[in-house]
N, C-alpha and C. Protein backbone atom coordinates (compact mmCIF):
# COMPACT_ATOMS: atom_id res chain seq x y z
N MET A 1 -53.35 -21.08 -185.92
CA MET A 1 -52.10 -21.92 -185.74
C MET A 1 -50.81 -20.79 -185.84
N ASP A 2 -49.92 -21.09 -185.07
CA ASP A 2 -48.96 -20.10 -184.55
C ASP A 2 -47.91 -20.17 -185.72
N THR A 3 -47.30 -19.18 -186.42
CA THR A 3 -46.18 -19.05 -187.10
C THR A 3 -44.64 -19.11 -186.58
N PRO A 4 -44.05 -20.09 -187.05
CA PRO A 4 -42.87 -20.34 -186.37
C PRO A 4 -41.94 -19.21 -186.57
N SER A 5 -41.34 -19.05 -185.36
CA SER A 5 -40.13 -17.89 -185.25
C SER A 5 -39.17 -18.09 -186.08
N LYS A 6 -38.73 -16.96 -186.66
CA LYS A 6 -37.54 -16.70 -187.59
C LYS A 6 -36.19 -17.19 -186.65
N SER A 7 -35.63 -17.89 -187.66
CA SER A 7 -34.19 -18.43 -186.76
C SER A 7 -33.34 -17.36 -186.86
N PRO A 8 -32.47 -16.99 -185.68
CA PRO A 8 -31.50 -15.80 -185.45
C PRO A 8 -30.54 -15.98 -186.57
N ILE A 9 -29.85 -15.16 -186.82
CA ILE A 9 -28.85 -15.05 -187.72
C ILE A 9 -27.25 -15.85 -186.70
N ARG A 10 -26.54 -16.74 -187.24
CA ARG A 10 -25.55 -17.13 -186.50
C ARG A 10 -24.18 -16.63 -186.93
N VAL A 11 -23.63 -15.69 -185.75
CA VAL A 11 -22.61 -15.00 -186.35
C VAL A 11 -21.15 -15.44 -185.77
N LEU A 12 -20.23 -15.48 -186.48
CA LEU A 12 -18.99 -15.87 -186.21
C LEU A 12 -18.01 -14.58 -186.09
N ILE A 13 -17.38 -14.55 -184.97
CA ILE A 13 -16.37 -13.25 -184.80
C ILE A 13 -14.92 -13.90 -184.83
N VAL A 14 -14.07 -13.42 -185.88
CA VAL A 14 -12.77 -13.66 -186.05
C VAL A 14 -11.74 -12.65 -186.05
N ASP A 15 -11.08 -12.87 -184.78
CA ASP A 15 -10.04 -11.74 -184.44
C ASP A 15 -9.15 -12.20 -183.78
N ASP A 16 -7.82 -11.91 -183.90
CA ASP A 16 -6.96 -12.62 -183.06
C ASP A 16 -6.67 -11.54 -181.87
N HIS A 17 -7.43 -10.63 -181.54
CA HIS A 17 -7.45 -10.03 -180.00
C HIS A 17 -8.28 -10.60 -179.31
N PRO A 18 -8.13 -11.23 -178.29
CA PRO A 18 -9.17 -11.74 -177.44
C PRO A 18 -10.12 -10.88 -176.69
N VAL A 19 -9.78 -9.51 -176.79
CA VAL A 19 -10.26 -8.47 -175.97
C VAL A 19 -11.25 -7.96 -177.12
N VAL A 20 -11.03 -8.14 -178.35
CA VAL A 20 -11.90 -7.54 -179.14
C VAL A 20 -13.15 -8.74 -179.65
N CYS A 21 -12.55 -9.98 -179.53
CA CYS A 21 -13.81 -10.83 -179.72
C CYS A 21 -14.77 -10.75 -178.61
N ALA A 22 -14.12 -10.66 -177.22
CA ALA A 22 -15.13 -10.37 -175.90
C ALA A 22 -16.21 -9.31 -176.19
N GLY A 23 -15.47 -8.10 -176.73
CA GLY A 23 -16.19 -7.03 -176.81
C GLY A 23 -17.40 -6.94 -177.71
N LEU A 24 -16.86 -7.91 -178.85
CA LEU A 24 -17.96 -7.94 -180.00
C LEU A 24 -19.40 -8.86 -179.48
N THR A 25 -18.61 -9.55 -178.81
CA THR A 25 -19.71 -11.25 -178.40
C THR A 25 -20.44 -10.49 -177.33
N SER A 26 -20.34 -9.42 -176.24
CA SER A 26 -21.25 -8.77 -175.55
C SER A 26 -21.85 -7.77 -176.14
N LEU A 27 -21.29 -7.28 -177.07
CA LEU A 27 -21.88 -6.45 -177.73
C LEU A 27 -23.39 -6.81 -178.49
N LEU A 28 -22.92 -8.06 -179.30
CA LEU A 28 -24.01 -8.60 -179.90
C LEU A 28 -25.13 -9.36 -179.35
N ARG A 29 -24.49 -10.07 -178.38
CA ARG A 29 -25.18 -11.22 -177.55
C ARG A 29 -26.50 -10.82 -177.05
N ARG A 30 -26.79 -9.58 -176.79
CA ARG A 30 -28.27 -9.11 -176.30
C ARG A 30 -29.03 -8.73 -177.40
N GLN A 31 -28.56 -8.87 -178.86
CA GLN A 31 -29.38 -8.41 -179.85
C GLN A 31 -30.53 -9.40 -180.54
N SER A 32 -31.64 -8.88 -180.34
CA SER A 32 -32.44 -9.82 -180.93
C SER A 32 -32.32 -10.11 -182.48
N GLY A 33 -32.57 -11.39 -182.85
CA GLY A 33 -32.40 -11.97 -184.11
C GLY A 33 -30.97 -12.39 -184.64
N LEU A 34 -30.28 -12.24 -183.72
CA LEU A 34 -28.71 -12.52 -183.72
C LEU A 34 -28.52 -13.82 -182.50
N ARG A 35 -27.64 -14.57 -183.24
CA ARG A 35 -27.04 -15.35 -182.10
C ARG A 35 -24.93 -15.68 -182.53
N VAL A 36 -24.54 -15.29 -181.42
CA VAL A 36 -23.03 -15.16 -181.66
C VAL A 36 -22.67 -16.76 -181.57
N ALA A 37 -22.44 -17.60 -182.60
CA ALA A 37 -21.92 -18.75 -182.65
C ALA A 37 -20.82 -19.33 -182.08
N GLY A 38 -19.98 -18.19 -182.19
CA GLY A 38 -18.42 -18.94 -181.96
C GLY A 38 -17.56 -17.34 -182.15
N ALA A 39 -16.41 -17.67 -181.93
CA ALA A 39 -15.32 -16.88 -181.91
C ALA A 39 -14.15 -17.61 -182.16
N ALA A 40 -13.29 -16.89 -182.95
CA ALA A 40 -11.92 -17.70 -183.59
C ALA A 40 -10.93 -16.54 -183.47
N HIS A 41 -10.00 -16.85 -183.15
CA HIS A 41 -8.48 -16.12 -182.82
C HIS A 41 -7.57 -16.15 -184.10
N THR A 42 -8.06 -17.16 -184.96
CA THR A 42 -6.93 -17.49 -186.11
C THR A 42 -7.97 -17.60 -187.29
N GLY A 43 -7.15 -17.88 -188.42
CA GLY A 43 -7.86 -18.30 -189.74
C GLY A 43 -8.27 -19.63 -189.52
N GLU A 44 -7.36 -20.56 -189.02
CA GLU A 44 -7.39 -21.93 -188.71
C GLU A 44 -8.81 -22.22 -187.90
N GLU A 45 -8.65 -21.72 -186.55
CA GLU A 45 -9.84 -21.92 -185.86
C GLU A 45 -11.07 -21.53 -186.34
N ALA A 46 -11.10 -20.63 -187.28
CA ALA A 46 -12.27 -19.97 -187.98
C ALA A 46 -12.90 -21.39 -188.94
N LEU A 47 -11.83 -21.58 -189.73
CA LEU A 47 -12.30 -22.52 -190.36
C LEU A 47 -12.75 -23.76 -190.00
N ASP A 48 -12.26 -24.33 -188.95
CA ASP A 48 -12.77 -25.56 -188.08
C ASP A 48 -14.08 -25.04 -187.42
N ILE A 49 -14.45 -24.05 -187.06
CA ILE A 49 -15.66 -23.65 -186.78
C ILE A 49 -16.66 -23.72 -187.68
N VAL A 50 -16.49 -23.37 -188.64
CA VAL A 50 -17.39 -23.06 -190.37
C VAL A 50 -17.27 -24.73 -190.49
N HIS A 51 -16.58 -25.27 -190.33
CA HIS A 51 -16.87 -26.73 -190.71
C HIS A 51 -17.80 -27.46 -190.24
N ARG A 52 -17.67 -27.10 -188.55
CA ARG A 52 -18.62 -28.12 -187.60
C ARG A 52 -19.78 -27.26 -187.40
N THR A 53 -20.03 -25.79 -187.71
CA THR A 53 -21.32 -25.39 -187.37
C THR A 53 -21.67 -24.30 -188.42
N CYS A 54 -23.00 -24.34 -188.62
CA CYS A 54 -23.44 -23.29 -189.66
C CYS A 54 -23.58 -22.14 -189.29
N ILE A 55 -22.79 -21.46 -189.83
CA ILE A 55 -22.47 -19.78 -189.81
C ILE A 55 -23.36 -18.98 -190.59
N ASP A 56 -24.07 -18.06 -190.57
CA ASP A 56 -24.32 -17.07 -191.74
C ASP A 56 -23.63 -16.15 -191.98
N VAL A 57 -22.98 -15.49 -190.95
CA VAL A 57 -22.13 -14.21 -191.22
C VAL A 57 -20.81 -14.25 -190.32
N VAL A 58 -19.98 -13.95 -191.16
CA VAL A 58 -18.78 -13.88 -190.46
C VAL A 58 -18.07 -12.43 -190.28
N LEU A 59 -17.74 -11.96 -189.07
CA LEU A 59 -16.99 -10.53 -188.71
C LEU A 59 -15.81 -10.87 -188.76
N LEU A 60 -14.91 -10.38 -189.75
CA LEU A 60 -13.47 -11.14 -189.94
C LEU A 60 -12.38 -9.64 -189.88
N ASP A 61 -11.65 -9.78 -188.95
CA ASP A 61 -10.26 -8.95 -189.01
C ASP A 61 -9.50 -9.44 -190.20
N LEU A 62 -8.75 -8.15 -190.56
CA LEU A 62 -8.04 -8.26 -192.02
C LEU A 62 -6.47 -8.99 -191.52
N ARG A 63 -5.97 -8.03 -190.22
CA ARG A 63 -4.58 -8.44 -190.02
C ARG A 63 -4.54 -9.54 -188.96
N MET A 64 -4.17 -10.48 -189.41
CA MET A 64 -4.02 -11.70 -188.36
C MET A 64 -2.91 -12.67 -188.43
N PRO A 65 -2.34 -13.40 -187.60
CA PRO A 65 -1.24 -14.41 -187.91
C PRO A 65 -1.43 -15.30 -188.59
N ARG A 66 -0.37 -16.07 -189.36
CA ARG A 66 -0.35 -16.82 -190.32
C ARG A 66 -1.34 -16.93 -191.36
N ILE A 67 -2.77 -17.03 -191.24
CA ILE A 67 -3.97 -17.00 -192.26
C ILE A 67 -4.60 -15.45 -192.11
N SER A 68 -4.23 -14.95 -192.94
CA SER A 68 -4.78 -13.44 -192.87
C SER A 68 -5.99 -13.33 -193.38
N GLY A 69 -6.80 -12.01 -192.78
CA GLY A 69 -8.31 -11.84 -193.50
C GLY A 69 -8.46 -12.27 -194.65
N ILE A 70 -7.80 -11.41 -195.78
CA ILE A 70 -7.65 -11.53 -197.27
C ILE A 70 -7.39 -13.02 -197.41
N GLU A 71 -6.54 -13.79 -196.92
CA GLU A 71 -6.19 -15.19 -197.11
C GLU A 71 -7.30 -16.23 -197.31
N LEU A 72 -7.85 -15.72 -195.83
CA LEU A 72 -9.21 -16.67 -195.27
C LEU A 72 -10.42 -16.32 -196.41
N LEU A 73 -10.56 -15.04 -196.84
CA LEU A 73 -11.66 -14.88 -197.54
C LEU A 73 -12.00 -15.77 -198.66
N PRO A 74 -11.06 -16.52 -199.45
CA PRO A 74 -11.48 -17.19 -200.80
C PRO A 74 -11.54 -18.70 -199.94
N LEU A 75 -10.90 -18.71 -198.94
CA LEU A 75 -11.36 -20.20 -198.42
C LEU A 75 -12.90 -20.49 -197.90
N LEU A 76 -13.32 -19.35 -197.47
CA LEU A 76 -14.68 -19.52 -196.87
C LEU A 76 -15.52 -19.39 -198.43
N ARG A 77 -15.25 -18.63 -198.87
CA ARG A 77 -16.00 -18.87 -200.24
C ARG A 77 -16.12 -19.95 -201.09
N ALA A 78 -15.10 -20.97 -201.08
CA ALA A 78 -14.97 -22.20 -201.51
C ALA A 78 -15.74 -23.07 -200.89
N LEU A 79 -16.35 -23.05 -199.75
CA LEU A 79 -17.23 -23.95 -198.83
C LEU A 79 -18.28 -24.14 -199.86
N PRO A 80 -19.14 -25.10 -199.46
CA PRO A 80 -20.37 -25.49 -200.24
C PRO A 80 -21.41 -24.66 -199.92
N ALA A 81 -21.55 -24.09 -198.30
CA ALA A 81 -22.35 -23.09 -198.21
C ALA A 81 -21.81 -22.08 -197.36
N PRO A 82 -20.92 -21.27 -198.40
CA PRO A 82 -20.36 -19.97 -197.52
C PRO A 82 -20.91 -19.07 -196.97
N PRO A 83 -20.49 -18.50 -195.95
CA PRO A 83 -20.80 -17.58 -195.06
C PRO A 83 -20.72 -16.25 -195.66
N ALA A 84 -21.64 -15.34 -195.42
CA ALA A 84 -21.37 -13.88 -195.91
C ALA A 84 -20.41 -13.27 -195.00
N VAL A 85 -19.61 -12.50 -195.24
CA VAL A 85 -18.54 -11.83 -194.67
C VAL A 85 -18.51 -10.17 -194.80
N VAL A 86 -18.36 -9.72 -193.48
CA VAL A 86 -18.25 -8.44 -193.30
C VAL A 86 -16.79 -8.30 -192.78
N ILE A 87 -16.07 -7.18 -193.00
CA ILE A 87 -14.79 -7.10 -192.62
C ILE A 87 -14.84 -5.68 -191.50
N LEU A 88 -14.11 -6.25 -190.36
CA LEU A 88 -13.99 -5.19 -189.19
C LEU A 88 -12.37 -4.93 -189.32
N SER A 89 -12.11 -3.94 -189.54
CA SER A 89 -10.62 -3.62 -189.52
C SER A 89 -10.43 -2.35 -188.88
N SER A 90 -9.32 -2.21 -188.23
CA SER A 90 -8.77 -1.09 -187.49
C SER A 90 -8.19 -0.04 -188.60
N TYR A 91 -7.85 -0.66 -189.76
CA TYR A 91 -7.09 0.10 -190.91
C TYR A 91 -8.14 0.32 -191.98
N ASP A 92 -7.87 1.30 -192.62
CA ASP A 92 -8.59 1.78 -193.60
C ASP A 92 -7.92 1.96 -195.09
N TYR A 93 -7.01 1.22 -195.20
CA TYR A 93 -6.05 1.69 -196.15
C TYR A 93 -6.77 1.04 -197.57
N GLU A 94 -6.89 1.99 -198.64
CA GLU A 94 -7.73 1.73 -199.92
C GLU A 94 -7.18 0.34 -200.49
N GLU A 95 -6.45 -0.05 -200.73
CA GLU A 95 -5.59 -1.13 -201.14
C GLU A 95 -6.42 -2.35 -200.35
N ASP A 96 -6.20 -2.41 -199.15
CA ASP A 96 -6.84 -3.39 -198.27
C ASP A 96 -8.41 -3.62 -198.24
N ILE A 97 -9.11 -2.45 -198.56
CA ILE A 97 -10.40 -2.34 -198.81
C ILE A 97 -11.01 -3.08 -200.23
N TYR A 98 -9.91 -2.78 -201.34
CA TYR A 98 -10.27 -2.99 -202.69
C TYR A 98 -10.09 -4.90 -202.76
N ARG A 99 -8.89 -5.08 -202.07
CA ARG A 99 -8.46 -6.62 -202.08
C ARG A 99 -9.63 -7.42 -201.33
N ALA A 100 -10.07 -6.91 -200.21
CA ALA A 100 -11.15 -7.78 -199.30
C ALA A 100 -12.41 -7.94 -200.38
N VAL A 101 -13.02 -6.73 -200.91
CA VAL A 101 -13.87 -6.71 -201.87
C VAL A 101 -13.69 -7.69 -202.92
N ARG A 102 -12.54 -7.63 -203.36
CA ARG A 102 -12.31 -8.73 -204.71
C ARG A 102 -12.40 -10.00 -204.11
N ALA A 103 -11.74 -10.23 -202.96
CA ALA A 103 -11.78 -11.45 -202.31
C ALA A 103 -13.32 -12.05 -202.02
N GLY A 104 -14.15 -11.22 -201.96
CA GLY A 104 -15.66 -11.66 -201.77
C GLY A 104 -16.36 -11.17 -200.36
N ALA A 105 -15.75 -10.21 -199.68
CA ALA A 105 -16.22 -9.72 -198.45
C ALA A 105 -17.59 -8.75 -199.19
N ALA A 106 -18.59 -8.76 -198.46
CA ALA A 106 -19.66 -8.20 -198.82
C ALA A 106 -20.09 -6.78 -197.85
N GLY A 107 -18.86 -6.54 -197.03
CA GLY A 107 -19.07 -5.25 -196.19
C GLY A 107 -17.85 -5.00 -195.65
N TYR A 108 -17.61 -3.57 -195.04
CA TYR A 108 -16.32 -3.19 -194.56
C TYR A 108 -16.61 -2.24 -193.66
N LEU A 109 -16.33 -2.47 -192.38
CA LEU A 109 -16.54 -1.50 -191.22
C LEU A 109 -15.18 -1.43 -190.42
N SER A 110 -15.23 -0.08 -189.83
CA SER A 110 -14.30 0.03 -188.91
C SER A 110 -14.68 -0.62 -187.51
N LYS A 111 -13.55 -0.73 -186.71
CA LYS A 111 -13.65 -1.32 -185.77
C LYS A 111 -14.11 -0.70 -184.56
N ASP A 112 -14.11 0.73 -184.76
CA ASP A 112 -15.22 1.61 -183.84
C ASP A 112 -16.23 2.03 -184.53
N ALA A 113 -16.92 1.30 -185.18
CA ALA A 113 -18.45 1.11 -185.37
C ALA A 113 -19.65 1.20 -184.54
N SER A 114 -20.39 1.63 -184.36
CA SER A 114 -21.55 1.31 -183.48
C SER A 114 -22.34 -0.07 -183.60
N ARG A 115 -22.79 -0.42 -182.40
CA ARG A 115 -23.49 -1.46 -182.33
C ARG A 115 -24.59 -1.65 -183.92
N ALA A 116 -25.27 -0.20 -183.76
CA ALA A 116 -26.51 -0.37 -184.66
C ALA A 116 -26.00 -0.47 -186.26
N GLU A 117 -24.50 0.13 -186.26
CA GLU A 117 -24.27 -0.08 -187.61
C GLU A 117 -23.27 -1.62 -188.05
N ILE A 118 -22.99 -2.02 -186.80
CA ILE A 118 -22.56 -3.44 -187.16
C ILE A 118 -23.80 -4.40 -187.52
N VAL A 119 -24.67 -4.10 -186.53
CA VAL A 119 -26.19 -5.01 -186.77
C VAL A 119 -26.73 -4.45 -188.17
N ALA A 120 -26.81 -3.50 -188.53
CA ALA A 120 -27.33 -3.05 -190.04
C ALA A 120 -26.62 -3.74 -191.02
N ALA A 121 -25.21 -3.81 -190.91
CA ALA A 121 -24.10 -4.40 -191.68
C ALA A 121 -24.49 -5.93 -191.95
N ILE A 122 -24.78 -6.96 -190.46
CA ILE A 122 -25.05 -8.14 -190.49
C ILE A 122 -26.34 -8.47 -191.36
N MET A 123 -27.37 -7.86 -191.18
CA MET A 123 -28.72 -7.70 -191.44
C MET A 123 -28.98 -7.74 -192.91
N THR A 124 -28.00 -6.59 -193.54
CA THR A 124 -27.98 -6.30 -194.83
C THR A 124 -27.47 -7.45 -195.92
N ILE A 125 -26.17 -7.85 -195.26
CA ILE A 125 -25.64 -9.05 -195.96
C ILE A 125 -26.05 -9.97 -195.93
N HIS A 126 -26.84 -10.45 -194.86
CA HIS A 126 -27.36 -11.75 -194.45
C HIS A 126 -28.77 -11.90 -195.29
N ASN A 127 -29.49 -10.59 -195.93
CA ASN A 127 -30.41 -10.67 -196.93
C ASN A 127 -29.90 -10.39 -198.25
N GLY A 128 -28.77 -10.80 -198.44
CA GLY A 128 -27.94 -10.54 -199.77
C GLY A 128 -27.64 -9.44 -200.43
N GLY A 129 -27.37 -8.35 -199.42
CA GLY A 129 -27.04 -7.24 -200.16
C GLY A 129 -25.29 -6.80 -199.60
N GLN A 130 -24.89 -5.59 -199.89
CA GLN A 130 -23.70 -5.38 -199.42
C GLN A 130 -23.79 -4.06 -198.35
N TYR A 131 -22.79 -3.82 -197.66
CA TYR A 131 -22.59 -2.98 -196.58
C TYR A 131 -21.43 -2.04 -196.72
N PHE A 132 -21.34 -0.69 -197.28
CA PHE A 132 -20.34 -0.25 -197.28
C PHE A 132 -20.66 1.30 -196.79
N PRO A 133 -20.19 1.77 -196.02
CA PRO A 133 -20.44 3.14 -195.85
C PRO A 133 -20.12 4.04 -196.77
N PRO A 134 -20.64 5.23 -196.89
CA PRO A 134 -20.47 6.11 -198.25
C PRO A 134 -18.84 6.28 -198.60
N SER A 135 -18.18 6.52 -197.58
CA SER A 135 -16.95 7.08 -197.73
C SER A 135 -16.30 5.87 -198.22
N VAL A 136 -16.29 4.65 -197.89
CA VAL A 136 -15.82 3.31 -198.50
C VAL A 136 -16.04 3.21 -199.83
N ALA A 137 -17.25 3.29 -199.77
CA ALA A 137 -17.85 3.20 -201.39
C ALA A 137 -17.34 3.52 -202.24
N ALA A 138 -17.15 5.06 -201.96
CA ALA A 138 -16.59 6.35 -202.87
C ALA A 138 -14.99 5.55 -203.18
N ARG A 139 -14.48 5.12 -202.25
CA ARG A 139 -12.87 4.72 -202.57
C ARG A 139 -13.04 3.45 -203.19
N ILE A 140 -13.77 2.67 -203.22
CA ILE A 140 -13.81 1.75 -203.82
C ILE A 140 -14.34 2.06 -205.12
N ALA A 141 -14.82 2.63 -205.60
CA ALA A 141 -15.23 3.06 -207.08
C ALA A 141 -14.00 3.83 -207.32
N GLN A 142 -13.33 4.68 -206.87
CA GLN A 142 -12.15 5.07 -207.47
C GLN A 142 -11.00 4.25 -207.54
N ARG A 143 -10.93 3.23 -206.88
CA ARG A 143 -9.97 1.96 -206.89
C ARG A 143 -9.99 1.25 -208.34
N GLU A 144 -11.60 0.95 -208.49
CA GLU A 144 -11.69 0.16 -209.32
C GLU A 144 -11.77 0.90 -210.84
N VAL A 145 -11.84 2.14 -211.03
CA VAL A 145 -11.79 3.03 -212.28
C VAL A 145 -9.99 3.05 -212.59
N ARG A 146 -9.21 2.87 -211.20
CA ARG A 146 -7.66 3.24 -211.71
C ARG A 146 -7.20 1.82 -212.23
N SER A 147 -6.28 1.74 -213.03
CA SER A 147 -5.74 0.65 -213.69
C SER A 147 -4.90 0.18 -212.52
N SER A 148 -4.69 -1.33 -212.35
CA SER A 148 -4.11 -1.95 -211.42
C SER A 148 -2.69 -1.71 -211.81
N LEU A 149 -1.53 -1.44 -210.84
CA LEU A 149 -0.42 -1.38 -210.91
C LEU A 149 0.42 -2.95 -211.14
N SER A 150 1.28 -2.99 -212.21
CA SER A 150 1.94 -4.28 -211.99
C SER A 150 2.81 -4.52 -211.04
N SER A 151 3.47 -5.93 -210.82
CA SER A 151 4.25 -6.03 -209.82
C SER A 151 5.66 -5.11 -209.91
N ARG A 152 6.08 -5.45 -211.21
CA ARG A 152 7.31 -4.62 -211.25
C ARG A 152 7.04 -2.89 -211.10
N GLU A 153 5.93 -2.32 -211.25
CA GLU A 153 5.65 -0.94 -211.09
C GLU A 153 5.61 -0.85 -209.52
N ILE A 154 5.13 -1.83 -208.68
CA ILE A 154 5.20 -1.86 -207.23
C ILE A 154 6.48 -1.98 -206.45
N GLU A 155 7.10 -2.93 -207.52
CA GLU A 155 8.52 -2.90 -206.83
C GLU A 155 9.39 -1.82 -207.28
N ILE A 156 9.20 -0.89 -208.11
CA ILE A 156 9.89 0.15 -208.34
C ILE A 156 9.41 1.62 -207.38
N LEU A 157 7.98 1.29 -207.16
CA LEU A 157 7.64 2.54 -205.83
C LEU A 157 8.12 2.02 -204.68
N ARG A 158 8.29 0.82 -204.41
CA ARG A 158 9.09 0.52 -202.98
C ARG A 158 10.23 0.95 -202.88
N MET A 159 11.09 0.90 -204.18
CA MET A 159 12.41 1.48 -204.12
C MET A 159 12.45 3.08 -204.02
N VAL A 160 11.58 3.77 -204.82
CA VAL A 160 11.09 5.15 -204.66
C VAL A 160 11.05 5.27 -203.20
N ALA A 161 10.42 4.35 -202.54
CA ALA A 161 9.79 5.02 -201.12
C ALA A 161 10.96 4.81 -200.35
N LYS A 162 12.04 4.26 -200.63
CA LYS A 162 13.45 3.95 -199.71
C LYS A 162 14.39 4.99 -200.16
N GLY A 163 14.11 5.96 -201.05
CA GLY A 163 15.09 6.82 -201.37
C GLY A 163 15.96 6.61 -202.48
N LEU A 164 15.64 5.55 -203.19
CA LEU A 164 16.64 5.34 -204.46
C LEU A 164 16.22 5.87 -205.88
N THR A 165 17.51 6.64 -206.44
CA THR A 165 17.22 7.52 -207.47
C THR A 165 16.96 6.44 -208.59
N ASN A 166 16.37 7.08 -209.89
CA ASN A 166 16.37 6.37 -211.08
C ASN A 166 17.49 5.36 -211.67
N LYS A 167 18.62 5.88 -211.40
CA LYS A 167 20.06 5.18 -211.68
C LYS A 167 20.18 4.16 -210.99
N GLU A 168 20.05 4.33 -209.53
CA GLU A 168 19.79 3.16 -208.60
C GLU A 168 18.88 2.06 -208.67
N ILE A 169 17.63 2.48 -209.10
CA ILE A 169 16.71 1.67 -209.24
C ILE A 169 17.16 0.84 -210.68
N ALA A 170 17.57 1.45 -211.67
CA ALA A 170 18.07 0.75 -212.90
C ALA A 170 19.22 -0.31 -212.78
N ARG A 171 20.00 0.15 -211.87
CA ARG A 171 21.16 -0.91 -211.50
C ARG A 171 20.84 -1.96 -210.82
N VAL A 172 19.79 -2.01 -209.88
CA VAL A 172 19.12 -3.03 -208.98
C VAL A 172 18.42 -4.04 -209.74
N LEU A 173 17.83 -3.22 -210.77
CA LEU A 173 16.69 -4.33 -211.84
C LEU A 173 17.47 -4.44 -212.90
N ASP A 174 18.72 -4.09 -212.97
CA ASP A 174 19.20 -4.39 -214.32
C ASP A 174 18.58 -3.88 -215.75
N ILE A 175 18.06 -2.78 -215.48
CA ILE A 175 17.29 -2.15 -216.76
C ILE A 175 17.73 -0.79 -217.02
N SER A 176 17.34 -0.29 -218.13
CA SER A 176 17.94 1.19 -218.35
C SER A 176 17.15 2.13 -217.67
N GLN A 177 17.80 3.65 -217.46
CA GLN A 177 17.17 4.40 -216.48
C GLN A 177 16.00 4.83 -217.76
N TYR A 178 16.20 4.87 -218.50
CA TYR A 178 15.11 5.11 -219.48
C TYR A 178 13.58 4.38 -219.47
N THR A 179 14.12 3.20 -219.05
CA THR A 179 12.98 2.09 -218.66
C THR A 179 12.03 2.43 -217.34
N VAL A 180 13.13 2.92 -216.31
CA VAL A 180 12.75 3.26 -215.16
C VAL A 180 11.85 4.22 -215.20
N ARG A 181 12.06 5.48 -215.89
CA ARG A 181 11.34 6.50 -216.35
C ARG A 181 10.02 6.38 -216.66
N ASN A 182 10.14 5.42 -217.88
CA ASN A 182 8.85 5.08 -218.37
C ASN A 182 7.73 4.39 -217.38
N HIS A 183 8.31 3.47 -216.62
CA HIS A 183 7.58 3.08 -215.68
C HIS A 183 7.08 3.98 -214.66
N LEU A 184 7.66 4.79 -214.22
CA LEU A 184 7.23 5.92 -213.11
C LEU A 184 6.29 6.85 -213.89
N ASN A 185 6.40 7.13 -215.37
CA ASN A 185 5.41 7.83 -215.82
C ASN A 185 4.09 7.17 -215.81
N HIS A 186 4.14 5.73 -216.01
CA HIS A 186 2.98 5.12 -216.21
C HIS A 186 2.13 4.93 -214.87
N ILE A 187 3.38 4.82 -213.80
CA ILE A 187 2.75 4.88 -212.18
C ILE A 187 2.08 6.04 -211.88
N SER A 188 2.45 7.11 -212.39
CA SER A 188 2.28 8.59 -212.09
C SER A 188 0.77 8.65 -212.78
N ALA A 189 0.59 8.18 -214.05
CA ALA A 189 -0.69 8.38 -214.73
C ALA A 189 -1.95 7.50 -213.79
N LYS A 190 -1.60 6.25 -213.51
CA LYS A 190 -2.43 5.36 -212.68
C LYS A 190 -2.65 5.91 -211.52
N LEU A 191 -1.81 6.27 -210.83
CA LEU A 191 -2.27 7.27 -209.33
C LEU A 191 -2.60 8.66 -209.19
N GLU A 192 -2.50 9.09 -210.69
CA GLU A 192 -3.01 10.64 -210.92
C GLU A 192 -2.20 11.23 -210.13
N VAL A 193 -1.11 11.51 -210.10
CA VAL A 193 -0.03 11.99 -209.37
C VAL A 193 0.84 12.89 -210.59
N SER A 194 1.58 13.73 -210.11
CA SER A 194 2.51 14.50 -210.83
C SER A 194 4.15 14.10 -211.00
N ASP A 195 4.42 13.16 -209.73
CA ASP A 195 5.73 13.05 -210.11
C ASP A 195 6.09 11.76 -209.02
N ARG A 196 7.37 11.56 -209.15
CA ARG A 196 7.83 10.17 -208.06
C ARG A 196 7.42 10.29 -206.96
N THR A 197 8.09 11.27 -206.07
CA THR A 197 7.67 11.62 -204.56
C THR A 197 6.35 11.32 -204.32
N GLU A 198 5.41 12.05 -205.04
CA GLU A 198 3.73 11.92 -204.72
C GLU A 198 3.29 10.71 -204.92
N ALA A 199 3.91 10.06 -205.87
CA ALA A 199 3.49 8.50 -206.45
C ALA A 199 3.90 7.59 -205.15
N ALA A 200 5.09 7.75 -204.48
CA ALA A 200 5.35 6.92 -203.38
C ALA A 200 4.76 7.35 -202.19
N MET A 201 4.06 8.51 -201.75
CA MET A 201 3.35 9.02 -200.91
C MET A 201 1.98 8.49 -200.97
N VAL A 202 1.56 8.47 -202.22
CA VAL A 202 0.16 8.25 -202.32
C VAL A 202 -0.02 6.79 -202.22
N ALA A 203 0.75 5.74 -202.46
CA ALA A 203 0.89 4.27 -202.67
C ALA A 203 1.14 3.92 -200.76
N LEU A 204 1.96 4.68 -200.43
CA LEU A 204 2.16 4.40 -198.70
C LEU A 204 0.68 4.82 -198.17
N GLU A 205 0.17 5.79 -198.54
CA GLU A 205 -1.14 6.15 -197.79
C GLU A 205 -2.16 5.08 -198.04
N GLN A 206 -2.45 4.90 -199.16
CA GLN A 206 -3.12 3.57 -199.81
C GLN A 206 -3.00 2.44 -199.56
N GLY A 207 -2.14 2.12 -198.88
CA GLY A 207 -1.38 0.86 -198.67
C GLY A 207 -0.99 -0.18 -199.78
N ILE A 208 -0.58 0.55 -200.99
CA ILE A 208 -0.20 -0.28 -201.93
C ILE A 208 1.08 -0.69 -201.76
N ILE A 209 1.96 0.13 -201.05
CA ILE A 209 3.26 -0.60 -200.25
C ILE A 209 3.29 -0.53 -199.08
N LYS A 210 4.19 -1.08 -198.40
CA LYS A 210 4.30 -0.98 -196.70
C LYS A 210 5.65 -0.36 -196.46
N GLN A 211 5.61 0.78 -195.52
CA GLN A 211 6.64 1.22 -195.21
C GLN A 211 7.65 0.54 -194.22
N ASN A 212 8.66 0.19 -194.47
CA ASN A 212 9.57 -1.02 -193.83
C ASN A 212 10.39 -0.29 -192.58
């Protein structure tokens, strides 16, 4: 008696750049064990496809208009049979990676990852595992150890990055300079830096705040 063949893993590609979708589709189309079940250019399109089609794994871009990848993740996780999600991003900001993992992503790869690595990630998370390259896994671990910054601390970091002095920050927030200094001391301790300037630089580098 013949053993029934194993069903291919159904993959949905979600990226707002049509060229990226086409490239990934071409890359994965000839891979045995996989089937590209669709491609979406927006979060709305992705949700529509997932509601209509059984999807096993989603390759998801983070930076998309209207509904970002971070915002789409919990919507996918709330489905009765949620697909596993691998983030494919051109960016490797630590905060983006951390937020994606917290929102339910099971893998994170750069868009310049090889086909072998993308396929390995798909296979691994489809089998219930996680796929994070060693450098990414180390950054996630470091971010989890570090205490989260409060909304007020992030607000102050943004002002420091814009060049405001402690006195100016105090005036804008209607608090004392002593309170600003205390916040900055806490920020420096959490980010493991020595001063306000280094704190702002690290926050920008890690994507905790964005450069205007």
